[in-house]
Amino acid sequence: MTSIELPSGEVQLWVVLHHEADVRAAILEKTLSSDELELRERIGPDRARRFTTTRGTLRLLLSRYTGIDAAAIRFRYGPRGKPFLVEPGATIAPAHPRIQFNLSDSSDVVVFGFASDRQIGVDIERVREVERWHAIAKRFYGGEAAKELSKLGDDERRRQFIARWVREEARIKATGQGIWSRESPETVALFYKSFQPAPDYYGAVAGPGSDWIIRLCGTPG
């Protein structure tokens, strides 16, 4: 198996389309742990399919970065459910694992992000109409930002609303502390960088410091 180099100062992103990954579902399913299979049994068929695609691909990519067999990958979870890699022989996840990762799923697209030297948050969203967008923008972006959005045409306003939303969500996900941490010093201090994973989607990565770049790696083979 070819290993993937993950240099310091680089966040590598992999884009997967669920409908294309479905053809590998049988292979990806074999990498899932017993507790993941039990969880999958408790959710509906469509969500189960997406769960297999998402979790199986995450295991495959982590295997390529670490050299650990995909089926042997073990996770621990933070207080808000954010997963962390547990190295072989360890009983708990270390404070600073050698591979930090995060993912985001929207409609048919899922993006996986990996870094070696910092915690990251990744968020993507498909551009669409959001109900009560003005009230949401006023609450989370501020009154001036909501006013600026209201001056835009409908199409551009949808795009700018989503572009702002993914930046906010990426910062929250980087800390793994939930929406209540939006205004915490730790979250506010994070930097973000934007990307477009697919047409009519916006994405953002957040992490500490500004000395890092995004590298779009394509689709894992």
N, C-alpha and C. Protein backbone atom coordinates (compact mmCIF):
# COMPACT_ATOMS: atom_id res chain seq x y z
N MET A 1 0.84 -1.20 0.00
CA MET A 1 0.00 0.00 0.00
C MET A 1 0.88 1.25 0.00
N THR A 2 0.57 2.20 -0.88
CA THR A 2 1.34 3.43 -0.97
C THR A 2 0.99 4.36 0.18
N SER A 3 2.02 4.82 0.91
CA SER A 3 1.77 5.73 2.02
C SER A 3 1.70 7.16 1.50
N ILE A 4 1.03 8.02 2.26
CA ILE A 4 0.87 9.42 1.90
C ILE A 4 1.70 10.28 2.83
N GLU A 5 2.53 11.16 2.27
CA GLU A 5 3.32 12.08 3.08
C GLU A 5 2.45 13.24 3.52
N LEU A 6 2.58 13.63 4.77
CA LEU A 6 1.80 14.74 5.32
C LEU A 6 2.75 15.75 5.93
N PRO A 7 3.26 16.70 5.12
CA PRO A 7 4.25 17.65 5.62
C PRO A 7 3.66 18.61 6.66
N SER A 8 4.53 19.10 7.53
CA SER A 8 4.14 20.15 8.47
C SER A 8 3.71 21.38 7.68
N GLY A 9 2.69 22.08 8.19
CA GLY A 9 2.25 23.31 7.54
C GLY A 9 1.32 23.07 6.37
N GLU A 10 0.81 21.85 6.23
CA GLU A 10 -0.06 21.53 5.11
C GLU A 10 -1.30 20.80 5.61
N VAL A 11 -2.46 21.23 5.15
CA VAL A 11 -3.71 20.51 5.41
C VAL A 11 -4.14 19.87 4.10
N GLN A 12 -4.19 18.56 4.08
CA GLN A 12 -4.55 17.84 2.87
C GLN A 12 -6.02 17.48 2.90
N LEU A 13 -6.71 17.76 1.79
CA LEU A 13 -8.15 17.54 1.67
C LEU A 13 -8.45 16.54 0.56
N TRP A 14 -9.33 15.60 0.87
CA TRP A 14 -9.77 14.60 -0.09
C TRP A 14 -11.28 14.73 -0.26
N VAL A 15 -11.73 14.76 -1.51
CA VAL A 15 -13.14 14.94 -1.83
C VAL A 15 -13.72 13.63 -2.36
N VAL A 16 -14.84 13.20 -1.77
CA VAL A 16 -15.50 11.96 -2.17
C VAL A 16 -16.95 12.26 -2.49
N LEU A 17 -17.44 11.71 -3.59
CA LEU A 17 -18.86 11.77 -3.94
C LEU A 17 -19.51 10.45 -3.51
N HIS A 18 -20.55 10.55 -2.72
CA HIS A 18 -21.17 9.34 -2.19
C HIS A 18 -21.61 8.39 -3.30
N HIS A 19 -22.19 8.92 -4.37
CA HIS A 19 -22.73 8.04 -5.40
C HIS A 19 -21.62 7.29 -6.13
N GLU A 20 -20.42 7.86 -6.17
CA GLU A 20 -19.30 7.16 -6.78
C GLU A 20 -18.68 6.15 -5.81
N ALA A 21 -18.64 6.50 -4.53
CA ALA A 21 -18.04 5.61 -3.53
C ALA A 21 -18.92 4.40 -3.25
N ASP A 22 -20.20 4.48 -3.61
CA ASP A 22 -21.11 3.36 -3.36
C ASP A 22 -20.63 2.06 -3.99
N VAL A 23 -19.93 2.15 -5.11
CA VAL A 23 -19.49 0.93 -5.80
C VAL A 23 -18.44 0.19 -4.97
N ARG A 24 -17.85 0.88 -3.98
CA ARG A 24 -16.84 0.26 -3.11
C ARG A 24 -17.41 -0.07 -1.74
N ALA A 25 -18.73 0.00 -1.59
CA ALA A 25 -19.34 -0.16 -0.27
C ALA A 25 -18.99 -1.51 0.36
N ALA A 26 -18.97 -2.58 -0.44
CA ALA A 26 -18.69 -3.90 0.11
C ALA A 26 -17.27 -3.98 0.68
N ILE A 27 -16.32 -3.33 0.00
CA ILE A 27 -14.94 -3.30 0.47
C ILE A 27 -14.82 -2.43 1.72
N LEU A 28 -15.45 -1.25 1.69
CA LEU A 28 -15.36 -0.33 2.82
C LEU A 28 -16.03 -0.91 4.06
N GLU A 29 -17.10 -1.67 3.87
CA GLU A 29 -17.81 -2.26 5.01
C GLU A 29 -16.91 -3.19 5.81
N LYS A 30 -15.99 -3.87 5.15
CA LYS A 30 -15.12 -4.83 5.82
C LYS A 30 -14.14 -4.16 6.77
N THR A 31 -13.95 -2.86 6.65
CA THR A 31 -13.02 -2.16 7.54
C THR A 31 -13.69 -1.67 8.82
N LEU A 32 -15.03 -1.69 8.88
CA LEU A 32 -15.74 -1.13 10.03
C LEU A 32 -15.59 -2.01 11.26
N SER A 33 -15.54 -1.36 12.41
CA SER A 33 -15.45 -2.09 13.68
C SER A 33 -16.82 -2.62 14.08
N SER A 34 -16.87 -3.49 15.08
CA SER A 34 -18.14 -4.07 15.52
C SER A 34 -19.09 -2.99 16.05
N ASP A 35 -18.56 -2.00 16.78
CA ASP A 35 -19.44 -0.96 17.31
C ASP A 35 -19.96 -0.07 16.18
N GLU A 36 -19.16 0.14 15.12
CA GLU A 36 -19.63 0.91 13.98
C GLU A 36 -20.72 0.15 13.23
N LEU A 37 -20.56 -1.15 13.09
CA LEU A 37 -21.60 -1.96 12.44
C LEU A 37 -22.90 -1.95 13.25
N GLU A 38 -22.78 -1.99 14.58
CA GLU A 38 -23.98 -1.93 15.43
C GLU A 38 -24.68 -0.59 15.29
N LEU A 39 -23.88 0.49 15.24
CA LEU A 39 -24.46 1.82 15.06
C LEU A 39 -25.17 1.91 13.72
N ARG A 40 -24.56 1.37 12.68
CA ARG A 40 -25.16 1.42 11.35
C ARG A 40 -26.50 0.70 11.31
N GLU A 41 -26.63 -0.36 12.08
CA GLU A 41 -27.88 -1.11 12.10
C GLU A 41 -29.03 -0.31 12.70
N ARG A 42 -28.71 0.71 13.48
CA ARG A 42 -29.75 1.47 14.17
C ARG A 42 -30.24 2.67 13.38
N ILE A 43 -29.64 2.93 12.23
CA ILE A 43 -30.04 4.09 11.43
C ILE A 43 -30.69 3.60 10.14
N GLY A 44 -31.40 4.52 9.45
CA GLY A 44 -32.12 4.14 8.24
C GLY A 44 -31.21 3.72 7.10
N PRO A 45 -31.76 3.06 6.07
CA PRO A 45 -30.95 2.54 4.97
C PRO A 45 -30.11 3.59 4.26
N ASP A 46 -30.68 4.77 4.00
CA ASP A 46 -29.92 5.79 3.29
C ASP A 46 -28.77 6.31 4.15
N ARG A 47 -29.05 6.56 5.43
CA ARG A 47 -27.99 7.00 6.33
C ARG A 47 -26.94 5.92 6.53
N ALA A 48 -27.37 4.65 6.53
CA ALA A 48 -26.43 3.54 6.68
C ALA A 48 -25.46 3.49 5.51
N ARG A 49 -25.98 3.72 4.31
CA ARG A 49 -25.12 3.73 3.12
C ARG A 49 -24.07 4.84 3.22
N ARG A 50 -24.51 6.02 3.61
CA ARG A 50 -23.60 7.14 3.73
C ARG A 50 -22.58 6.90 4.85
N PHE A 51 -23.05 6.29 5.94
CA PHE A 51 -22.15 6.00 7.05
C PHE A 51 -21.04 5.06 6.61
N THR A 52 -21.39 4.02 5.85
CA THR A 52 -20.39 3.07 5.36
C THR A 52 -19.38 3.77 4.46
N THR A 53 -19.87 4.58 3.53
CA THR A 53 -18.99 5.33 2.63
C THR A 53 -18.06 6.25 3.39
N THR A 54 -18.62 6.99 4.34
CA THR A 54 -17.83 8.00 5.06
C THR A 54 -16.82 7.37 6.01
N ARG A 55 -17.29 6.49 6.89
CA ARG A 55 -16.39 5.92 7.89
C ARG A 55 -15.37 4.98 7.25
N GLY A 56 -15.79 4.22 6.24
CA GLY A 56 -14.85 3.33 5.56
C GLY A 56 -13.76 4.10 4.83
N THR A 57 -14.12 5.20 4.18
CA THR A 57 -13.11 6.01 3.48
C THR A 57 -12.17 6.68 4.48
N LEU A 58 -12.70 7.15 5.60
CA LEU A 58 -11.84 7.72 6.64
C LEU A 58 -10.81 6.69 7.09
N ARG A 59 -11.24 5.47 7.34
CA ARG A 59 -10.31 4.42 7.77
C ARG A 59 -9.27 4.14 6.69
N LEU A 60 -9.71 4.10 5.44
CA LEU A 60 -8.79 3.85 4.33
C LEU A 60 -7.70 4.93 4.26
N LEU A 61 -8.11 6.18 4.37
CA LEU A 61 -7.15 7.27 4.28
C LEU A 61 -6.21 7.29 5.49
N LEU A 62 -6.76 7.09 6.69
CA LEU A 62 -5.90 7.04 7.88
C LEU A 62 -4.89 5.90 7.78
N SER A 63 -5.31 4.80 7.19
CA SER A 63 -4.39 3.68 6.99
C SER A 63 -3.22 4.07 6.09
N ARG A 64 -3.51 4.85 5.07
CA ARG A 64 -2.46 5.26 4.14
C ARG A 64 -1.51 6.27 4.77
N TYR A 65 -2.03 7.08 5.69
CA TYR A 65 -1.16 8.05 6.36
C TYR A 65 -0.32 7.39 7.45
N THR A 66 -0.86 6.41 8.13
CA THR A 66 -0.21 5.87 9.32
C THR A 66 0.45 4.50 9.12
N GLY A 67 0.02 3.76 8.11
CA GLY A 67 0.51 2.40 7.94
C GLY A 67 -0.26 1.38 8.77
N ILE A 68 -1.24 1.83 9.56
CA ILE A 68 -2.09 0.92 10.33
C ILE A 68 -3.15 0.34 9.41
N ASP A 69 -3.40 -0.96 9.50
CA ASP A 69 -4.44 -1.57 8.68
C ASP A 69 -5.77 -0.86 8.93
N ALA A 70 -6.54 -0.64 7.85
CA ALA A 70 -7.78 0.12 7.97
C ALA A 70 -8.73 -0.47 9.00
N ALA A 71 -8.83 -1.79 9.04
CA ALA A 71 -9.73 -2.43 9.99
C ALA A 71 -9.23 -2.37 11.43
N ALA A 72 -7.94 -2.06 11.61
CA ALA A 72 -7.34 -2.00 12.95
C ALA A 72 -7.34 -0.59 13.53
N ILE A 73 -7.77 0.40 12.73
CA ILE A 73 -7.83 1.78 13.22
C ILE A 73 -8.77 1.84 14.42
N ARG A 74 -8.34 2.53 15.49
CA ARG A 74 -9.17 2.70 16.67
C ARG A 74 -9.36 4.18 16.96
N PHE A 75 -10.55 4.52 17.44
CA PHE A 75 -10.88 5.91 17.74
C PHE A 75 -11.26 6.08 19.21
N ARG A 76 -10.99 7.25 19.74
CA ARG A 76 -11.58 7.74 20.97
C ARG A 76 -12.30 9.03 20.62
N TYR A 77 -13.25 9.43 21.47
CA TYR A 77 -14.09 10.58 21.13
C TYR A 77 -14.03 11.63 22.23
N GLY A 78 -13.98 12.90 21.79
CA GLY A 78 -13.98 14.01 22.73
C GLY A 78 -15.36 14.21 23.33
N PRO A 79 -15.50 15.17 24.25
CA PRO A 79 -16.78 15.40 24.95
C PRO A 79 -17.94 15.70 24.00
N ARG A 80 -17.64 16.32 22.84
CA ARG A 80 -18.68 16.65 21.88
C ARG A 80 -18.72 15.67 20.70
N GLY A 81 -18.03 14.53 20.83
CA GLY A 81 -18.11 13.49 19.81
C GLY A 81 -17.05 13.56 18.73
N LYS A 82 -16.11 14.50 18.83
CA LYS A 82 -15.06 14.58 17.81
C LYS A 82 -14.11 13.40 17.97
N PRO A 83 -13.87 12.63 16.88
CA PRO A 83 -13.01 11.45 16.99
C PRO A 83 -11.53 11.80 16.94
N PHE A 84 -10.72 10.99 17.62
CA PHE A 84 -9.27 11.11 17.60
C PHE A 84 -8.68 9.72 17.36
N LEU A 85 -7.55 9.68 16.68
CA LEU A 85 -6.87 8.42 16.41
C LEU A 85 -6.16 7.91 17.65
N VAL A 86 -6.31 6.61 17.93
CA VAL A 86 -5.58 5.95 19.00
C VAL A 86 -4.49 5.10 18.37
N GLU A 87 -3.23 5.36 18.72
CA GLU A 87 -2.11 4.61 18.15
C GLU A 87 -2.08 3.19 18.71
N PRO A 88 -1.52 2.24 17.96
CA PRO A 88 -1.41 0.86 18.45
C PRO A 88 -0.68 0.80 19.79
N GLY A 89 -1.24 0.05 20.74
CA GLY A 89 -0.62 -0.10 22.05
C GLY A 89 -1.08 0.92 23.06
N ALA A 90 -1.71 2.02 22.59
CA ALA A 90 -2.18 3.05 23.51
C ALA A 90 -3.58 2.71 24.00
N THR A 91 -3.89 3.09 25.22
CA THR A 91 -5.22 2.84 25.78
C THR A 91 -6.13 4.05 25.63
N ILE A 92 -5.54 5.23 25.47
CA ILE A 92 -6.32 6.45 25.26
C ILE A 92 -5.66 7.26 24.15
N ALA A 93 -6.43 8.18 23.56
CA ALA A 93 -5.86 9.05 22.54
C ALA A 93 -4.90 10.05 23.18
N PRO A 94 -3.70 10.25 22.61
CA PRO A 94 -2.77 11.23 23.17
C PRO A 94 -3.30 12.65 22.99
N ALA A 95 -2.74 13.57 23.77
CA ALA A 95 -3.18 14.97 23.67
C ALA A 95 -2.91 15.55 22.29
N HIS A 96 -1.83 15.09 21.64
CA HIS A 96 -1.46 15.60 20.32
C HIS A 96 -1.12 14.43 19.41
N PRO A 97 -2.13 13.75 18.83
CA PRO A 97 -1.87 12.62 17.94
C PRO A 97 -1.04 13.06 16.74
N ARG A 98 -0.32 12.11 16.14
CA ARG A 98 0.53 12.48 14.99
C ARG A 98 -0.30 12.83 13.77
N ILE A 99 -1.55 12.37 13.71
CA ILE A 99 -2.45 12.73 12.62
C ILE A 99 -3.71 13.34 13.21
N GLN A 100 -3.97 14.60 12.84
CA GLN A 100 -5.23 15.25 13.20
C GLN A 100 -6.14 15.20 11.98
N PHE A 101 -7.43 15.00 12.19
CA PHE A 101 -8.32 14.90 11.04
C PHE A 101 -9.70 15.43 11.40
N ASN A 102 -10.45 15.76 10.36
CA ASN A 102 -11.82 16.18 10.51
C ASN A 102 -12.50 15.98 9.16
N LEU A 103 -13.81 15.90 9.17
CA LEU A 103 -14.53 15.70 7.91
C LEU A 103 -15.84 16.45 7.94
N SER A 104 -16.42 16.63 6.75
CA SER A 104 -17.71 17.30 6.64
C SER A 104 -18.47 16.70 5.47
N ASP A 105 -19.78 16.55 5.65
CA ASP A 105 -20.63 15.85 4.70
C ASP A 105 -21.82 16.73 4.37
N SER A 106 -22.08 16.97 3.08
CA SER A 106 -23.23 17.77 2.67
C SER A 106 -23.76 17.24 1.35
N SER A 107 -25.02 16.84 1.34
CA SER A 107 -25.65 16.27 0.14
C SER A 107 -24.83 15.10 -0.37
N ASP A 108 -24.28 15.18 -1.58
CA ASP A 108 -23.55 14.05 -2.17
C ASP A 108 -22.05 14.12 -1.95
N VAL A 109 -21.57 15.17 -1.30
CA VAL A 109 -20.13 15.42 -1.18
C VAL A 109 -19.67 15.28 0.27
N VAL A 110 -18.55 14.60 0.47
CA VAL A 110 -17.91 14.55 1.78
C VAL A 110 -16.44 14.88 1.59
N VAL A 111 -15.90 15.72 2.48
CA VAL A 111 -14.50 16.13 2.42
C VAL A 111 -13.80 15.69 3.71
N PHE A 112 -12.63 15.08 3.54
CA PHE A 112 -11.79 14.64 4.66
C PHE A 112 -10.55 15.51 4.71
N GLY A 113 -10.23 16.04 5.89
CA GLY A 113 -9.04 16.87 6.07
C GLY A 113 -8.07 16.24 7.04
N PHE A 114 -6.75 16.37 6.75
CA PHE A 114 -5.71 15.77 7.58
C PHE A 114 -4.56 16.77 7.77
N ALA A 115 -4.02 16.80 8.98
CA ALA A 115 -2.88 17.65 9.29
C ALA A 115 -1.98 16.91 10.28
N SER A 116 -0.70 17.26 10.28
CA SER A 116 0.25 16.59 11.18
C SER A 116 0.65 17.44 12.36
N ASP A 117 0.32 18.72 12.35
CA ASP A 117 0.90 19.61 13.35
C ASP A 117 -0.10 20.55 14.02
N ARG A 118 -1.41 20.32 13.83
CA ARG A 118 -2.40 21.20 14.47
C ARG A 118 -3.78 20.57 14.38
N GLN A 119 -4.64 20.91 15.33
CA GLN A 119 -6.03 20.51 15.25
C GLN A 119 -6.70 21.31 14.14
N ILE A 120 -7.58 20.68 13.40
CA ILE A 120 -8.26 21.37 12.30
C ILE A 120 -9.76 21.12 12.38
N GLY A 121 -10.50 22.01 11.78
CA GLY A 121 -11.93 21.84 11.57
C GLY A 121 -12.23 22.03 10.09
N VAL A 122 -13.05 21.18 9.54
CA VAL A 122 -13.42 21.25 8.13
C VAL A 122 -14.94 21.32 8.03
N ASP A 123 -15.44 22.23 7.18
CA ASP A 123 -16.88 22.28 6.97
C ASP A 123 -17.17 22.59 5.51
N ILE A 124 -18.17 21.92 4.94
CA ILE A 124 -18.65 22.22 3.59
C ILE A 124 -20.17 22.29 3.62
N GLU A 125 -20.73 23.05 2.69
CA GLU A 125 -22.18 23.12 2.55
C GLU A 125 -22.51 23.35 1.08
N ARG A 126 -23.62 22.77 0.65
CA ARG A 126 -24.13 23.04 -0.69
C ARG A 126 -24.88 24.37 -0.66
N VAL A 127 -24.71 25.17 -1.68
CA VAL A 127 -25.41 26.45 -1.78
C VAL A 127 -26.89 26.17 -1.97
N ARG A 128 -27.72 26.77 -1.13
CA ARG A 128 -29.16 26.55 -1.17
C ARG A 128 -29.84 27.69 -0.42
N GLU A 129 -31.14 27.76 -0.54
CA GLU A 129 -31.91 28.75 0.22
C GLU A 129 -32.06 28.27 1.66
N VAL A 130 -31.78 29.14 2.60
CA VAL A 130 -31.89 28.82 4.02
C VAL A 130 -33.04 29.63 4.60
N GLU A 131 -34.00 28.94 5.21
CA GLU A 131 -35.11 29.65 5.85
C GLU A 131 -34.60 30.51 7.00
N ARG A 132 -35.22 31.66 7.17
CA ARG A 132 -34.88 32.60 8.24
C ARG A 132 -33.40 33.00 8.17
N TRP A 133 -32.89 33.11 6.93
CA TRP A 133 -31.47 33.41 6.78
C TRP A 133 -31.10 34.74 7.42
N HIS A 134 -31.98 35.72 7.37
CA HIS A 134 -31.64 37.03 7.91
C HIS A 134 -31.49 36.97 9.44
N ALA A 135 -32.40 36.28 10.11
CA ALA A 135 -32.31 36.16 11.57
C ALA A 135 -31.06 35.38 11.97
N ILE A 136 -30.74 34.33 11.21
CA ILE A 136 -29.54 33.53 11.50
C ILE A 136 -28.29 34.38 11.29
N ALA A 137 -28.26 35.12 10.18
CA ALA A 137 -27.10 35.96 9.89
C ALA A 137 -26.92 37.03 10.96
N LYS A 138 -28.01 37.64 11.38
CA LYS A 138 -27.92 38.69 12.40
C LYS A 138 -27.39 38.13 13.71
N ARG A 139 -27.82 36.91 14.05
CA ARG A 139 -27.40 36.32 15.32
C ARG A 139 -25.93 35.90 15.29
N PHE A 140 -25.51 35.26 14.19
CA PHE A 140 -24.18 34.66 14.17
C PHE A 140 -23.13 35.48 13.43
N TYR A 141 -23.55 36.32 12.47
CA TYR A 141 -22.57 37.13 11.74
C TYR A 141 -22.54 38.58 12.21
N GLY A 142 -23.61 39.01 12.86
CA GLY A 142 -23.69 40.39 13.31
C GLY A 142 -24.64 41.21 12.44
N GLY A 143 -25.15 42.30 13.01
CA GLY A 143 -26.12 43.14 12.33
C GLY A 143 -25.63 43.73 11.03
N GLU A 144 -24.38 44.20 11.00
CA GLU A 144 -23.83 44.81 9.79
C GLU A 144 -23.70 43.79 8.67
N ALA A 145 -23.24 42.59 9.02
CA ALA A 145 -23.09 41.54 8.00
C ALA A 145 -24.46 41.15 7.44
N ALA A 146 -25.47 41.04 8.32
CA ALA A 146 -26.82 40.72 7.86
C ALA A 146 -27.34 41.79 6.92
N LYS A 147 -27.05 43.05 7.23
CA LYS A 147 -27.50 44.15 6.38
C LYS A 147 -26.83 44.09 5.01
N GLU A 148 -25.53 43.78 4.99
CA GLU A 148 -24.81 43.66 3.72
C GLU A 148 -25.38 42.52 2.88
N LEU A 149 -25.70 41.40 3.51
CA LEU A 149 -26.27 40.28 2.77
C LEU A 149 -27.62 40.65 2.16
N SER A 150 -28.41 41.44 2.87
CA SER A 150 -29.75 41.80 2.40
C SER A 150 -29.69 42.70 1.16
N LYS A 151 -28.55 43.31 0.90
CA LYS A 151 -28.40 44.19 -0.27
C LYS A 151 -28.05 43.41 -1.54
N LEU A 152 -27.72 42.13 -1.39
CA LEU A 152 -27.30 41.32 -2.54
C LEU A 152 -28.50 40.71 -3.24
N GLY A 153 -28.31 40.36 -4.52
CA GLY A 153 -29.31 39.59 -5.24
C GLY A 153 -29.44 38.20 -4.62
N ASP A 154 -30.55 37.53 -4.89
CA ASP A 154 -30.83 36.26 -4.22
C ASP A 154 -29.72 35.25 -4.40
N ASP A 155 -29.22 35.07 -5.62
CA ASP A 155 -28.20 34.04 -5.88
C ASP A 155 -26.91 34.36 -5.13
N GLU A 156 -26.46 35.60 -5.23
CA GLU A 156 -25.21 35.97 -4.56
C GLU A 156 -25.37 35.95 -3.05
N ARG A 157 -26.55 36.34 -2.57
CA ARG A 157 -26.80 36.30 -1.13
C ARG A 157 -26.74 34.87 -0.60
N ARG A 158 -27.32 33.91 -1.33
CA ARG A 158 -27.23 32.51 -0.92
C ARG A 158 -25.77 32.06 -0.82
N ARG A 159 -25.00 32.44 -1.82
CA ARG A 159 -23.60 32.02 -1.85
C ARG A 159 -22.80 32.63 -0.71
N GLN A 160 -23.00 33.92 -0.48
CA GLN A 160 -22.24 34.58 0.57
C GLN A 160 -22.67 34.12 1.96
N PHE A 161 -23.95 33.82 2.13
CA PHE A 161 -24.42 33.30 3.41
C PHE A 161 -23.74 31.97 3.71
N ILE A 162 -23.71 31.05 2.73
CA ILE A 162 -23.09 29.74 2.94
C ILE A 162 -21.59 29.87 3.13
N ALA A 163 -20.95 30.76 2.38
CA ALA A 163 -19.50 30.96 2.51
C ALA A 163 -19.15 31.40 3.92
N ARG A 164 -19.96 32.27 4.49
CA ARG A 164 -19.72 32.71 5.87
C ARG A 164 -20.01 31.58 6.86
N TRP A 165 -21.07 30.83 6.58
CA TRP A 165 -21.48 29.77 7.52
C TRP A 165 -20.39 28.71 7.67
N VAL A 166 -19.80 28.27 6.56
CA VAL A 166 -18.78 27.21 6.66
C VAL A 166 -17.55 27.70 7.41
N ARG A 167 -17.24 28.98 7.31
CA ARG A 167 -16.10 29.51 8.08
C ARG A 167 -16.38 29.43 9.58
N GLU A 168 -17.60 29.80 9.97
CA GLU A 168 -17.98 29.73 11.38
C GLU A 168 -17.95 28.28 11.88
N GLU A 169 -18.53 27.38 11.09
CA GLU A 169 -18.61 25.98 11.51
C GLU A 169 -17.23 25.34 11.58
N ALA A 170 -16.35 25.67 10.64
CA ALA A 170 -15.00 25.10 10.65
C ALA A 170 -14.26 25.49 11.93
N ARG A 171 -14.42 26.73 12.37
CA ARG A 171 -13.75 27.17 13.60
C ARG A 171 -14.28 26.40 14.81
N ILE A 172 -15.60 26.20 14.86
CA ILE A 172 -16.19 25.45 15.97
C ILE A 172 -15.69 24.01 15.98
N LYS A 173 -15.66 23.40 14.80
CA LYS A 173 -15.26 22.00 14.70
C LYS A 173 -13.78 21.79 15.02
N ALA A 174 -12.96 22.80 14.81
CA ALA A 174 -11.54 22.68 15.14
C ALA A 174 -11.32 22.49 16.63
N THR A 175 -12.15 23.11 17.45
CA THR A 175 -12.00 22.98 18.90
C THR A 175 -12.74 21.75 19.43
N GLY A 176 -13.74 21.26 18.67
CA GLY A 176 -14.52 20.12 19.12
C GLY A 176 -15.37 20.42 20.34
N GLN A 177 -15.72 21.70 20.54
CA GLN A 177 -16.42 22.10 21.76
C GLN A 177 -17.90 22.43 21.56
N GLY A 178 -18.37 22.44 20.33
CA GLY A 178 -19.79 22.70 20.10
C GLY A 178 -20.09 24.17 19.86
N ILE A 179 -21.36 24.43 19.49
CA ILE A 179 -21.75 25.77 19.06
C ILE A 179 -21.61 26.82 20.16
N TRP A 180 -21.67 26.40 21.40
CA TRP A 180 -21.56 27.35 22.51
C TRP A 180 -20.16 27.97 22.59
N SER A 181 -19.18 27.39 21.87
CA SER A 181 -17.82 27.91 21.92
C SER A 181 -17.55 28.95 20.84
N ARG A 182 -18.60 29.33 20.08
CA ARG A 182 -18.42 30.21 18.93
C ARG A 182 -17.66 31.49 19.28
N GLU A 183 -17.94 32.06 20.44
CA GLU A 183 -17.30 33.32 20.83
C GLU A 183 -16.17 33.13 21.84
N SER A 184 -15.78 31.90 22.08
CA SER A 184 -14.69 31.67 23.04
C SER A 184 -13.37 32.18 22.46
N PRO A 185 -12.44 32.64 23.31
CA PRO A 185 -11.15 33.13 22.81
C PRO A 185 -10.43 32.10 21.95
N GLU A 186 -10.52 30.83 22.34
CA GLU A 186 -9.84 29.77 21.60
C GLU A 186 -10.36 29.67 20.17
N THR A 187 -11.68 29.76 20.02
CA THR A 187 -12.30 29.64 18.70
C THR A 187 -12.09 30.88 17.86
N VAL A 188 -12.28 32.04 18.45
CA VAL A 188 -12.14 33.31 17.71
C VAL A 188 -10.72 33.48 17.18
N ALA A 189 -9.73 32.96 17.90
CA ALA A 189 -8.33 33.14 17.50
C ALA A 189 -7.92 32.27 16.32
N LEU A 190 -8.75 31.31 15.93
CA LEU A 190 -8.39 30.41 14.83
C LEU A 190 -8.44 31.13 13.49
N PHE A 191 -7.56 30.73 12.58
CA PHE A 191 -7.56 31.23 11.21
C PHE A 191 -8.34 30.26 10.33
N TYR A 192 -8.90 30.77 9.25
CA TYR A 192 -9.60 29.89 8.32
C TYR A 192 -9.12 30.16 6.90
N LYS A 193 -9.25 29.16 6.06
CA LYS A 193 -8.96 29.27 4.63
C LYS A 193 -10.09 28.61 3.87
N SER A 194 -10.49 29.22 2.77
CA SER A 194 -11.65 28.76 2.01
C SER A 194 -11.23 27.90 0.83
N PHE A 195 -12.14 27.04 0.40
CA PHE A 195 -11.93 26.24 -0.81
C PHE A 195 -13.29 25.87 -1.38
N GLN A 196 -13.31 25.37 -2.61
CA GLN A 196 -14.55 24.95 -3.24
C GLN A 196 -14.41 23.48 -3.63
N PRO A 197 -15.06 22.56 -2.89
CA PRO A 197 -14.89 21.14 -3.15
C PRO A 197 -15.57 20.64 -4.41
N ALA A 198 -16.61 21.33 -4.86
CA ALA A 198 -17.38 20.94 -6.03
C ALA A 198 -18.21 22.15 -6.46
N PRO A 199 -18.73 22.15 -7.70
CA PRO A 199 -19.60 23.25 -8.12
C PRO A 199 -20.79 23.41 -7.18
N ASP A 200 -21.10 24.65 -6.84
CA ASP A 200 -22.22 24.98 -5.95
C ASP A 200 -22.03 24.51 -4.53
N TYR A 201 -20.79 24.33 -4.11
CA TYR A 201 -20.45 24.04 -2.73
C TYR A 201 -19.39 25.05 -2.27
N TYR A 202 -19.42 25.36 -0.99
CA TYR A 202 -18.35 26.14 -0.38
C TYR A 202 -17.79 25.36 0.80
N GLY A 203 -16.49 25.54 1.04
CA GLY A 203 -15.85 24.87 2.15
C GLY A 203 -14.85 25.77 2.84
N ALA A 204 -14.50 25.42 4.07
CA ALA A 204 -13.50 26.16 4.82
C ALA A 204 -12.77 25.21 5.76
N VAL A 205 -11.51 25.51 6.00
CA VAL A 205 -10.69 24.81 7.00
C VAL A 205 -10.26 25.83 8.03
N ALA A 206 -10.31 25.47 9.30
CA ALA A 206 -9.86 26.36 10.37
C ALA A 206 -8.80 25.65 11.20
N GLY A 207 -7.84 26.43 11.69
CA GLY A 207 -6.81 25.88 12.54
C GLY A 207 -6.00 27.01 13.17
N PRO A 208 -5.22 26.69 14.18
CA PRO A 208 -4.40 27.73 14.83
C PRO A 208 -3.25 28.17 13.94
N GLY A 209 -2.89 29.45 14.06
CA GLY A 209 -1.79 29.99 13.26
C GLY A 209 -2.20 30.23 11.83
N SER A 210 -1.37 30.97 11.11
CA SER A 210 -1.64 31.25 9.70
C SER A 210 -0.58 30.65 8.79
N ASP A 211 0.34 29.87 9.37
CA ASP A 211 1.48 29.34 8.62
C ASP A 211 1.18 27.98 8.03
N TRP A 212 0.03 27.84 7.37
CA TRP A 212 -0.32 26.58 6.75
C TRP A 212 -1.08 26.83 5.46
N ILE A 213 -1.08 25.82 4.60
CA ILE A 213 -1.73 25.91 3.33
C ILE A 213 -2.70 24.74 3.16
N ILE A 214 -3.64 24.90 2.24
CA ILE A 214 -4.53 23.81 1.86
C ILE A 214 -3.98 23.15 0.61
N ARG A 215 -4.01 21.82 0.58
CA ARG A 215 -3.68 21.08 -0.61
C ARG A 215 -4.84 20.16 -0.95
N LEU A 216 -5.48 20.40 -2.09
CA LEU A 216 -6.57 19.55 -2.55
C LEU A 216 -5.97 18.34 -3.24
N CYS A 217 -6.21 17.16 -2.69
CA CYS A 217 -5.56 15.94 -3.16
C CYS A 217 -6.43 15.15 -4.14
N GLY A 218 -7.64 15.58 -4.40
CA GLY A 218 -8.50 14.86 -5.33
C GLY A 218 -9.31 13.80 -4.61
N THR A 219 -9.59 12.70 -5.32
CA THR A 219 -10.40 11.61 -4.80
C THR A 219 -9.52 10.40 -4.52
N PRO A 220 -9.62 9.81 -3.33
CA PRO A 220 -8.78 8.63 -3.05
C PRO A 220 -9.15 7.48 -3.97
N GLY A 221 -8.11 6.83 -4.53
CA GLY A 221 -8.35 5.72 -5.45
C GLY A 221 -8.52 4.41 -4.72
